[in-house]
């Protein structure tokens, strides 16, 4: 078994002109590897993952650094490892009235859900199975206080 590549720092962003130039040269040689990260894993600092080229990695970032799409975690003359964040899934909810909206907002806050507001809609970031979120909304949905918007 191959020892994992230890990725201990975010060395920059793929959009930075000096880094982009180096990535471009490495890409022509097929030496840029992508580390696909689920949006739910962005807050994590330490975890194991495998790049698209099959390289096992151990990510251990300092507390002062955060993962983000485009972060370059490894860059030398022979290889680069770039973070690619999967698309965030959302559950869009419409409360029937102000009272239902307050109740929905209270529930979302108590459960520490990441949310966005879109007019009269509440968009909840799905960091796990949608069914788990729907189970928490059961009472509001059974009593027609909240509906799901497609």
Protein backbone atom coordinates (compact mmCIF):
# COMPACT_ATOMS: atom_id res chain seq x y z
CA UNK A 1 0.00 0.00 0.00
CA UNK A 2 1.26 3.46 -0.94
CA UNK A 3 1.81 5.99 1.83
CA UNK A 4 -0.65 8.86 1.57
CA UNK A 5 0.43 12.24 0.30
CA UNK A 6 0.17 14.56 3.31
CA UNK A 7 -1.52 17.82 2.36
CA UNK A 8 -0.74 20.13 5.26
CA UNK A 9 -1.47 23.58 3.86
CA UNK A 10 -3.48 25.50 1.34
CA UNK A 11 -0.69 26.87 -0.87
CA UNK A 12 -2.92 29.14 -2.92
CA UNK A 13 -5.82 29.31 -5.36
CA UNK A 14 -5.99 28.06 -8.93
CA UNK A 15 -7.16 31.54 -10.02
CA UNK A 16 -4.01 33.26 -8.72
CA UNK A 17 -2.08 34.21 -11.89
CA UNK A 18 1.30 32.86 -10.72
CA UNK A 19 -0.25 29.57 -9.62
CA UNK A 20 -2.49 29.34 -12.69
CA UNK A 21 0.58 29.53 -14.92
CA UNK A 22 2.28 26.65 -13.09
CA UNK A 23 -0.96 24.60 -13.12
CA UNK A 24 -1.30 25.17 -16.86
CA UNK A 25 2.18 23.77 -17.49
CA UNK A 26 1.54 20.76 -15.22
CA UNK A 27 -1.86 20.15 -16.85
CA UNK A 28 -0.19 19.78 -20.26
CA UNK A 29 1.91 16.99 -18.74
CA UNK A 30 -1.15 15.38 -17.12
CA UNK A 31 0.15 16.13 -13.66
CA UNK A 32 -2.75 18.04 -12.08
CA UNK A 33 -4.81 15.86 -9.78
CA UNK A 34 -8.25 16.76 -8.46
CA UNK A 35 -9.40 16.09 -4.92
CA UNK A 36 -13.21 15.98 -5.09
CA UNK A 37 -14.73 17.24 -1.83
CA UNK A 38 -18.38 17.13 -0.84
CA UNK A 39 -19.65 20.55 0.32
CA UNK A 40 -20.50 19.02 3.70
CA UNK A 41 -16.81 18.22 4.21
CA UNK A 42 -15.54 21.78 3.67
CA UNK A 43 -15.39 22.60 7.42
CA UNK A 44 -13.25 19.53 8.12
CA UNK A 45 -9.53 20.00 8.76
CA UNK A 46 -8.36 16.37 8.89
CA UNK A 47 -9.51 13.53 6.64
CA UNK A 48 -8.40 10.89 4.16
CA UNK A 49 -9.30 11.16 0.47
CA UNK A 50 -8.20 9.88 -2.92
CA UNK A 51 -7.49 12.07 -5.94
CA UNK A 52 -8.95 11.39 -9.37
CA UNK A 53 -5.58 9.86 -10.29
CA UNK A 54 -5.83 7.38 -7.41
CA UNK A 55 -3.33 9.05 -5.09
CA UNK A 56 -4.25 8.47 -1.44
CA UNK A 57 -4.08 11.72 0.54
CA UNK A 58 -4.29 12.80 4.13
CA UNK A 59 -5.49 16.38 4.50
CA UNK A 60 -4.48 18.09 7.75
CA UNK A 61 -4.97 21.83 7.56
CA UNK A 62 -4.16 24.28 10.33
CA UNK A 63 -7.15 25.89 12.06
CA UNK A 64 -6.42 29.17 10.30
CA UNK A 65 -7.09 27.67 6.85
CA UNK A 66 -10.32 26.56 5.20
CA UNK A 67 -10.98 24.37 2.21
CA UNK A 68 -12.69 25.92 -0.79
CA UNK A 69 -13.23 25.17 -4.43
CA UNK A 70 -10.00 25.89 -6.30
CA UNK A 71 -7.68 25.59 -3.30
CA UNK A 72 -4.30 24.20 -4.28
CA UNK A 73 -3.10 21.81 -1.57
CA UNK A 74 0.06 20.58 -3.32
CA UNK A 75 2.23 22.25 -5.92
CA UNK A 76 5.73 21.29 -6.94
CA UNK A 77 7.56 20.72 -10.22
CA UNK A 78 6.05 17.25 -10.71
CA UNK A 79 2.48 17.44 -9.45
CA UNK A 80 -0.40 19.60 -8.24
CA UNK A 81 -3.45 18.69 -6.18
CA UNK A 82 -6.44 21.01 -6.57
CA UNK A 83 -9.70 20.91 -4.58
CA UNK A 84 -12.94 20.62 -6.51
CA UNK A 85 -16.12 21.02 -4.49
CA UNK A 86 -19.19 19.11 -5.60
CA UNK A 87 -22.34 21.04 -6.33
CA UNK A 88 -24.33 21.95 -3.23
CA UNK A 89 -27.81 20.40 -3.13
CA UNK A 90 -30.66 22.52 -1.74
CA UNK A 91 -34.11 21.87 -0.33
CA UNK A 92 -36.38 24.85 -1.03
CA UNK A 93 -39.26 25.40 1.38
CA UNK A 94 -42.25 27.75 1.36
CA UNK A 95 -44.02 28.51 4.65
CA UNK A 96 -47.76 29.17 4.27
CA UNK A 97 -47.73 32.29 6.47
CA UNK A 98 -45.61 34.36 8.83
CA UNK A 99 -46.20 32.08 11.83
CA UNK A 100 -45.15 29.02 9.83
CA UNK A 101 -42.09 30.93 8.61
CA UNK A 102 -41.07 31.75 12.16
CA UNK A 103 -41.57 28.12 13.21
CA UNK A 104 -39.56 26.90 10.21
CA UNK A 105 -36.78 29.40 10.94
CA UNK A 106 -36.67 28.33 14.58
CA UNK A 107 -36.43 24.66 13.58
CA UNK A 108 -33.68 25.35 11.04
CA UNK A 109 -31.71 27.35 13.61
CA UNK A 110 -32.13 24.75 16.36
CA UNK A 111 -30.86 22.06 13.98
CA UNK A 112 -27.96 24.29 12.83
CA UNK A 113 -28.98 23.97 9.20
CA UNK A 114 -27.15 26.18 6.71
CA UNK A 115 -29.79 28.29 4.98
CA UNK A 116 -30.28 30.97 2.37
CA UNK A 117 -33.26 33.28 2.04
CA UNK A 118 -34.83 33.74 -1.37
CA UNK A 119 -37.77 36.12 -1.10
CA UNK A 120 -40.43 34.23 0.88
CA UNK A 121 -38.57 30.94 0.48
CA UNK A 122 -36.07 29.25 2.76
CA UNK A 123 -33.34 27.24 1.02
CA UNK A 124 -31.67 24.60 3.19
CA UNK A 125 -28.23 23.24 2.21
CA UNK A 126 -28.43 19.45 2.13
CA UNK A 127 -25.37 18.07 3.88
CA UNK A 128 -26.79 14.55 4.06
CA UNK A 129 -29.70 12.50 2.75
CA UNK A 130 -32.75 14.58 1.86
CA UNK A 131 -34.96 12.09 3.72
CA UNK A 132 -33.28 13.04 7.00
CA UNK A 133 -34.27 16.67 6.48
CA UNK A 134 -37.80 15.75 5.42
CA UNK A 135 -38.20 13.65 8.58
CA UNK A 136 -37.43 16.75 10.68
CA UNK A 137 -40.03 18.72 8.71
CA UNK A 138 -42.71 16.06 9.05
CA UNK A 139 -44.94 17.92 11.52
CA UNK A 140 -44.86 21.13 9.53
CA UNK A 141 -45.63 19.27 6.31
CA UNK A 142 -48.36 17.04 7.78
CA UNK A 143 -50.24 20.14 8.93
CA UNK A 144 -49.67 21.89 5.57
CA UNK A 145 -47.60 24.66 7.21
CA UNK A 146 -44.63 24.22 4.87
CA UNK A 147 -44.44 22.98 1.29
CA UNK A 148 -41.49 21.87 -0.78
CA UNK A 149 -40.75 23.90 -3.88
CA UNK A 150 -39.25 21.99 -6.83
